Structures are given as structure tokens and as C-alpha cells.
Amino acid sequence: MNPLTTFLATLFSKSKQIKMNVNSIYDIQINSLQGKPIQLSEFKGKYILFVNVASECGFTPQYKAMQELHEAYKDKLQVIGVPCNQFGGQEPGDSDTIKSFCEVNYGVTFLITEKIDVKGKNQHPLYTWLTQKINNGSINSEVKWNFQKYLVDTNGNLINYYLSSTNPLSQKIIKHLK
């Protein structure tokens, strides 16, 4: 390889961060499970907890805790479940199947988005923002598994992320809502 090609290859391999053309999380577009646009700006003034969810995962019972959190803090917090099938193929269902599963098994009334990719070349812009410091201004992270959580404050700033093993009702999360 010539020096320019080597330099560009090195630069590209080290730079997986992409600056998005959005000013805040409130500018990101995502659809509901029913295919209707969700305006994240509607949640200004509330905390938002994003959780990548899957119906066939060992952490799936966390839906119950997510619903409890939603009910207990609905005036201060918007819980948003984000279906993803990238981890062990544990969210294979279509929108109707996911909706039915959540309602019948866990009584879910919080917002569920369309099924998206949370990592990789087809990563949804929401997760590009959540996982890259260049966009969120706070921290870099990688989604490791289903039910990883991202908490955004009332002004649209990323507070932190929590691994799958963190219960949605954990003090790590709730301390910010009090």
C-alpha cells in the first residue's frame, strides 16, 4: 500500500464514530411499533429511559419492572422499549407479535418503538447518539446485550447507561428520578 492508502485505512479503522447532523436527541426520528413517528421532543422536561428489548431473552422478565417504573414515575419519566433482534435472535417477531407479547405477558402500556438495529452498520441514529460521545457529549458505550438501558435527563442529556443485569428499579436509575 502507498502511504496515503495506509493512512486512510488506519484512520478509517480507528474512527468508528460518526458525528450526526442533529443538535440533540430531540431531533432524532424513530417510529412506534405501529409505524407512527415518535417525536422525542414531546418528552422535553421528562427523563427518558431507552431499553433495547427482546421477548425471548433471559432478561425479558424486566418488562415487569419497566412497567412498574413507568407507572411509578410517569409524571417524570418516559420509558421507551426498543425491540432489537441482534442478540441471539431473541426478538424474531413482527410488530403485532411483539405488541401482543408485551401486553398479554407484562401488561405493558409504555411506548415501544419499531424493531431496529442498535449496533453495526445499520445502527439506528438513536443508538448512534446514545453510544457515541461525539454525539451525546457524555460517554462512549457499546450495546452488549438485550435490556441494556440508557437514561437521558430532562434537558436531553445522556446521564449514563446500565448493563442488562441492572434492574430497571435499581437505585442506580431511580436516584435520578427523585
C-alpha atoms as a PDB file:
ATOM      1  CA  MET A   1       0.000   0.000   0.000  1.00  0.00           C
ATOM      2  CA  ASN A   2       1.126   3.526  -0.627  1.00  0.00           C
ATOM      3  CA  PRO A   3       1.446   5.908   2.361  1.00  0.00           C
ATOM      4  CA  LEU A   4      -1.851   7.691   1.650  1.00  0.00           C
ATOM      5  CA  THR A   5      -3.786   4.419   1.431  1.00  0.00           C
ATOM      6  CA  THR A   6      -2.148   3.188   4.653  1.00  0.00           C
ATOM      7  CA  PHE A   7      -3.010   6.443   6.433  1.00  0.00           C
ATOM      8  CA  LEU A   8      -6.632   6.351   5.267  1.00  0.00           C
ATOM      9  CA  ALA A   9      -7.022   2.688   6.185  1.00  0.00           C
ATOM     10  CA  THR A  10      -5.631   3.372   9.662  1.00  0.00           C
ATOM     11  CA  LEU A  11      -7.819   6.425  10.092  1.00  0.00           C
ATOM     12  CA  PHE A  12     -10.942   4.561   8.964  1.00  0.00           C
ATOM     13  CA  SER A  13     -10.278   1.531  11.190  1.00  0.00           C
ATOM     14  CA  LYS A  14      -9.762   3.697  14.279  1.00  0.00           C
ATOM     15  CA  SER A  15     -12.653   6.021  13.597  1.00  0.00           C
ATOM     16  CA  LYS A  16     -15.966   4.284  14.068  1.00  0.00           C
ATOM     17  CA  GLN A  17     -17.559   7.386  15.499  1.00  0.00           C
ATOM     18  CA  ILE A  18     -19.762   9.341  13.168  1.00  0.00           C
ATOM     19  CA  LYS A  19     -20.937  12.836  14.012  1.00  0.00           C
ATOM     20  CA  MET A  20     -24.621  13.051  13.206  1.00  0.00           C
ATOM     21  CA  ASN A  21     -26.345  16.113  11.820  1.00  0.00           C
ATOM     22  CA  VAL A  22     -28.575  16.555  14.844  1.00  0.00           C
ATOM     23  CA  ASN A  23     -28.336  19.073  17.617  1.00  0.00           C
ATOM     24  CA  SER A  24     -29.956  16.921  20.282  1.00  0.00           C
ATOM     25  CA  ILE A  25     -31.696  13.644  20.950  1.00  0.00           C
ATOM     26  CA  TYR A  26     -34.949  15.503  20.361  1.00  0.00           C
ATOM     27  CA  ASP A  27     -34.067  15.807  16.652  1.00  0.00           C
ATOM     28  CA  ILE A  28     -33.871  12.038  16.085  1.00  0.00           C
ATOM     29  CA  GLN A  29     -36.663  10.315  14.200  1.00  0.00           C
ATOM     30  CA  ILE A  30     -37.967   6.889  15.189  1.00  0.00           C
ATOM     31  CA  ASN A  31     -41.308   5.187  14.648  1.00  0.00           C
ATOM     32  CA  SER A  32     -43.614   3.478  17.095  1.00  0.00           C
ATOM     33  CA  LEU A  33     -44.297  -0.232  16.915  1.00  0.00           C
ATOM     34  CA  GLN A  34     -47.376   0.702  14.868  1.00  0.00           C
ATOM     35  CA  GLY A  35     -45.219   2.645  12.376  1.00  0.00           C
ATOM     36  CA  LYS A  36     -46.222   6.143  13.514  1.00  0.00           C
ATOM     37  CA  PRO A  37     -43.497   8.775  14.003  1.00  0.00           C
ATOM     38  CA  ILE A  38     -42.472   9.409  17.596  1.00  0.00           C
ATOM     39  CA  GLN A  39     -41.469  12.975  18.340  1.00  0.00           C
ATOM     40  CA  LEU A  40     -38.865  12.652  21.094  1.00  0.00           C
ATOM     41  CA  SER A  41     -39.210  16.410  21.600  1.00  0.00           C
ATOM     42  CA  GLU A  42     -42.594  15.672  23.217  1.00  0.00           C
ATOM     43  CA  PHE A  43     -40.627  14.344  26.179  1.00  0.00           C
ATOM     44  CA  LYS A  44     -38.660  17.533  26.890  1.00  0.00           C
ATOM     45  CA  GLY A  45     -38.859  18.109  30.622  1.00  0.00           C
ATOM     46  CA  LYS A  46     -39.030  14.361  31.359  1.00  0.00           C
ATOM     47  CA  TYR A  47     -36.369  11.751  31.845  1.00  0.00           C
ATOM     48  CA  ILE A  48     -36.290   9.113  29.114  1.00  0.00           C
ATOM     49  CA  LEU A  49     -35.183   5.530  29.712  1.00  0.00           C
ATOM     50  CA  PHE A  50     -34.373   3.691  26.486  1.00  0.00           C
ATOM     51  CA  VAL A  51     -34.142  -0.096  26.781  1.00  0.00           C
ATOM     52  CA  ASN A  52     -33.367  -2.429  23.877  1.00  0.00           C
ATOM     53  CA  VAL A  53     -35.826  -5.257  24.460  1.00  0.00           C
ATOM     54  CA  ALA A  54     -36.348  -8.830  23.268  1.00  0.00           C
ATOM     55  CA  SER A  55     -39.163 -11.246  24.064  1.00  0.00           C
ATOM     56  CA  GLU A  56     -37.096 -14.456  24.154  1.00  0.00           C
ATOM     57  CA  CYS A  57     -34.244 -13.315  26.422  1.00  0.00           C
ATOM     58  CA  GLY A  58     -33.371 -14.339  29.966  1.00  0.00           C
ATOM     59  CA  PHE A  59     -33.796 -10.664  30.910  1.00  0.00           C
ATOM     60  CA  THR A  60     -37.311 -10.461  29.399  1.00  0.00           C
ATOM     61  CA  PRO A  61     -38.957 -10.506  32.875  1.00  0.00           C
ATOM     62  CA  GLN A  62     -37.522  -6.974  33.255  1.00  0.00           C
ATOM     63  CA  TYR A  63     -40.574  -5.848  31.261  1.00  0.00           C
ATOM     64  CA  LYS A  64     -42.465  -6.151  34.575  1.00  0.00           C
ATOM     65  CA  ALA A  65     -40.032  -3.819  36.359  1.00  0.00           C
ATOM     66  CA  MET A  66     -40.070  -1.437  33.379  1.00  0.00           C
ATOM     67  CA  GLN A  67     -43.872  -1.263  33.620  1.00  0.00           C
ATOM     68  CA  GLU A  68     -43.669  -0.667  37.393  1.00  0.00           C
ATOM     69  CA  LEU A  69     -41.128   2.110  36.817  1.00  0.00           C
ATOM     70  CA  HIS A  70     -43.364   3.611  34.139  1.00  0.00           C
ATOM     71  CA  GLU A  71     -46.372   3.615  36.462  1.00  0.00           C
ATOM     72  CA  ALA A  72     -44.487   4.947  39.491  1.00  0.00           C
ATOM     73  CA  TYR A  73     -42.736   7.812  37.676  1.00  0.00           C
ATOM     74  CA  LYS A  74     -44.972   8.532  34.659  1.00  0.00           C
ATOM     75  CA  ASP A  75     -45.078  12.249  35.503  1.00  0.00           C
ATOM     76  CA  LYS A  76     -41.262  12.478  35.407  1.00  0.00           C
ATOM     77  CA  LEU A  77     -40.171   9.635  33.139  1.00  0.00           C
ATOM     78  CA  GLN A  78     -40.889   8.207  29.711  1.00  0.00           C
ATOM     79  CA  VAL A  79     -39.899   4.548  29.396  1.00  0.00           C
ATOM     80  CA  ILE A  80     -39.275   3.513  25.790  1.00  0.00           C
ATOM     81  CA  GLY A  81     -38.744  -0.107  24.804  1.00  0.00           C
ATOM     82  CA  VAL A  82     -36.735  -0.569  21.622  1.00  0.00           C
ATOM     83  CA  PRO A  83     -37.082  -4.063  20.107  1.00  0.00           C
ATOM     84  CA  CYS A  84     -33.922  -5.498  18.587  1.00  0.00           C
ATOM     85  CA  ASN A  85     -33.141  -8.925  17.147  1.00  0.00           C
ATOM     86  CA  GLN A  86     -29.335  -8.580  17.068  1.00  0.00           C
ATOM     87  CA  PHE A  87     -28.544 -10.605  20.190  1.00  0.00           C
ATOM     88  CA  GLY A  88     -29.139 -14.311  19.798  1.00  0.00           C
ATOM     89  CA  GLY A  89     -32.129 -13.753  17.502  1.00  0.00           C
ATOM     90  CA  GLN A  90     -34.219 -13.238  20.640  1.00  0.00           C
ATOM     91  CA  GLU A  91     -36.733 -10.799  19.105  1.00  0.00           C
ATOM     92  CA  PRO A  92     -37.871 -12.620  15.951  1.00  0.00           C
ATOM     93  CA  GLY A  93     -41.482 -11.409  15.977  1.00  0.00           C
ATOM     94  CA  ASP A  94     -43.137  -8.798  13.812  1.00  0.00           C
ATOM     95  CA  SER A  95     -44.783  -5.672  15.258  1.00  0.00           C
ATOM     96  CA  ASP A  96     -48.111  -7.369  16.028  1.00  0.00           C
ATOM     97  CA  THR A  97     -46.402 -10.305  17.740  1.00  0.00           C
ATOM     98  CA  ILE A  98     -44.222  -8.005  19.864  1.00  0.00           C
ATOM     99  CA  LYS A  99     -47.191  -5.808  20.840  1.00  0.00           C
ATOM    100  CA  SER A 100     -49.320  -8.804  21.813  1.00  0.00           C
ATOM    101  CA  PHE A 101     -46.479 -10.425  23.776  1.00  0.00           C
ATOM    102  CA  CYS A 102     -45.810  -7.255  25.787  1.00  0.00           C
ATOM    103  CA  GLU A 103     -49.475  -6.588  26.570  1.00  0.00           C
ATOM    104  CA  VAL A 104     -50.534 -10.171  27.375  1.00  0.00           C
ATOM    105  CA  ASN A 105     -47.476 -11.222  29.386  1.00  0.00           C
ATOM    106  CA  TYR A 106     -46.462  -7.982  31.128  1.00  0.00           C
ATOM    107  CA  GLY A 107     -49.340  -5.510  30.772  1.00  0.00           C
ATOM    108  CA  VAL A 108     -47.025  -3.064  29.010  1.00  0.00           C
ATOM    109  CA  THR A 109     -48.505   0.389  28.481  1.00  0.00           C
ATOM    110  CA  PHE A 110     -45.241   2.312  27.969  1.00  0.00           C
ATOM    111  CA  LEU A 111     -44.039   3.251  24.498  1.00  0.00           C
ATOM    112  CA  ILE A 112     -42.497   0.586  22.261  1.00  0.00           C
ATOM    113  CA  THR A 113     -40.695   1.564  19.062  1.00  0.00           C
ATOM    114  CA  GLU A 114     -40.265  -0.222  15.768  1.00  0.00           C
ATOM    115  CA  LYS A 115     -37.678  -3.023  15.719  1.00  0.00           C
ATOM    116  CA  ILE A 116     -34.247  -1.569  14.920  1.00  0.00           C
ATOM    117  CA  ASP A 117     -30.520  -2.342  14.928  1.00  0.00           C
ATOM    118  CA  VAL A 118     -28.727  -0.942  17.980  1.00  0.00           C
ATOM    119  CA  LYS A 119     -25.227  -1.701  16.693  1.00  0.00           C
ATOM    120  CA  GLY A 120     -23.365  -2.374  13.464  1.00  0.00           C
ATOM    121  CA  LYS A 121     -23.511  -0.852  10.017  1.00  0.00           C
ATOM    122  CA  ASN A 122     -27.308  -0.414  10.148  1.00  0.00           C
ATOM    123  CA  GLN A 123     -27.331   1.103  13.652  1.00  0.00           C
ATOM    124  CA  HIS A 124     -30.337   3.368  14.076  1.00  0.00           C
ATOM    125  CA  PRO A 125     -29.460   7.075  14.604  1.00  0.00           C
ATOM    126  CA  LEU A 126     -30.974   6.890  18.112  1.00  0.00           C
ATOM    127  CA  TYR A 127     -28.333   4.388  19.152  1.00  0.00           C
ATOM    128  CA  THR A 128     -25.596   6.228  17.267  1.00  0.00           C
ATOM    129  CA  TRP A 129     -26.464   9.182  19.516  1.00  0.00           C
ATOM    130  CA  LEU A 130     -26.768   7.092  22.693  1.00  0.00           C
ATOM    131  CA  THR A 131     -23.479   5.223  22.191  1.00  0.00           C
ATOM    132  CA  GLN A 132     -21.136   7.898  20.845  1.00  0.00           C
ATOM    133  CA  LYS A 133     -19.671  10.692  22.964  1.00  0.00           C
ATOM    134  CA  ILE A 134     -19.144  12.793  19.833  1.00  0.00           C
ATOM    135  CA  ASN A 135     -22.961  12.947  19.600  1.00  0.00           C
ATOM    136  CA  ASN A 136     -24.208  12.655  23.197  1.00  0.00           C
ATOM    137  CA  GLY A 137     -21.421  14.771  24.734  1.00  0.00           C
ATOM    138  CA  SER A 138     -21.046  12.389  27.663  1.00  0.00           C
ATOM    139  CA  ILE A 139     -19.726   8.863  27.094  1.00  0.00           C
ATOM    140  CA  ASN A 140     -18.912   6.184  24.560  1.00  0.00           C
ATOM    141  CA  SER A 141     -20.503   2.783  25.022  1.00  0.00           C
ATOM    142  CA  GLU A 142     -21.359  -0.361  23.137  1.00  0.00           C
ATOM    143  CA  VAL A 143     -24.636  -2.217  23.429  1.00  0.00           C
ATOM    144  CA  LYS A 144     -23.573  -5.589  24.829  1.00  0.00           C
ATOM    145  CA  TRP A 145     -26.900  -7.452  25.059  1.00  0.00           C
ATOM    146  CA  ASN A 146     -30.675  -7.139  25.297  1.00  0.00           C
ATOM    147  CA  PHE A 147     -32.115  -4.928  28.047  1.00  0.00           C
ATOM    148  CA  GLN A 148     -29.183  -2.505  28.211  1.00  0.00           C
ATOM    149  CA  LYS A 149     -30.559   0.805  29.466  1.00  0.00           C
ATOM    150  CA  TYR A 150     -29.774   4.437  28.604  1.00  0.00           C
ATOM    151  CA  LEU A 151     -31.063   7.253  30.818  1.00  0.00           C
ATOM    152  CA  VAL A 152     -31.478  10.754  29.398  1.00  0.00           C
ATOM    153  CA  ASP A 153     -32.198  13.743  31.646  1.00  0.00           C
ATOM    154  CA  THR A 154     -34.982  16.323  31.405  1.00  0.00           C
ATOM    155  CA  ASN A 155     -32.869  18.507  29.099  1.00  0.00           C
ATOM    156  CA  GLY A 156     -31.951  15.744  26.662  1.00  0.00           C
ATOM    157  CA  ASN A 157     -28.504  14.994  28.092  1.00  0.00           C
ATOM    158  CA  LEU A 158     -27.300  11.420  28.460  1.00  0.00           C
ATOM    159  CA  ILE A 159     -26.855  10.619  32.151  1.00  0.00           C
ATOM    160  CA  ASN A 160     -25.461   7.100  31.863  1.00  0.00           C
ATOM    161  CA  TYR A 161     -26.032   3.607  30.579  1.00  0.00           C
ATOM    162  CA  TYR A 162     -26.679   0.448  32.577  1.00  0.00           C
ATOM    163  CA  LEU A 163     -25.915  -3.125  31.573  1.00  0.00           C
ATOM    164  CA  SER A 164     -28.613  -5.763  31.160  1.00  0.00           C
ATOM    165  CA  SER A 165     -28.143  -7.088  34.697  1.00  0.00           C
ATOM    166  CA  THR A 166     -29.231  -3.734  36.165  1.00  0.00           C
ATOM    167  CA  ASN A 167     -32.875  -3.967  37.190  1.00  0.00           C
ATOM    168  CA  PRO A 168     -34.942  -1.018  35.906  1.00  0.00           C
ATOM    169  CA  LEU A 169     -35.989  -0.374  39.528  1.00  0.00           C
ATOM    170  CA  SER A 170     -32.353  -0.170  40.683  1.00  0.00           C
ATOM    171  CA  GLN A 171     -31.299   2.793  42.806  1.00  0.00           C
ATOM    172  CA  LYS A 172     -28.692   3.484  40.108  1.00  0.00           C
ATOM    173  CA  ILE A 173     -31.615   4.636  37.945  1.00  0.00           C
ATOM    174  CA  ILE A 174     -34.220   5.746  40.480  1.00  0.00           C
ATOM    175  CA  LYS A 175     -31.849   8.127  42.317  1.00  0.00           C
ATOM    176  CA  HIS A 176     -32.001  10.408  39.269  1.00  0.00           C
ATOM    177  CA  LEU A 177     -35.811  10.494  39.275  1.00  0.00           C
ATOM    178  CA  LYS A 178     -36.312  11.634  42.867  1.00  0.00           C
END
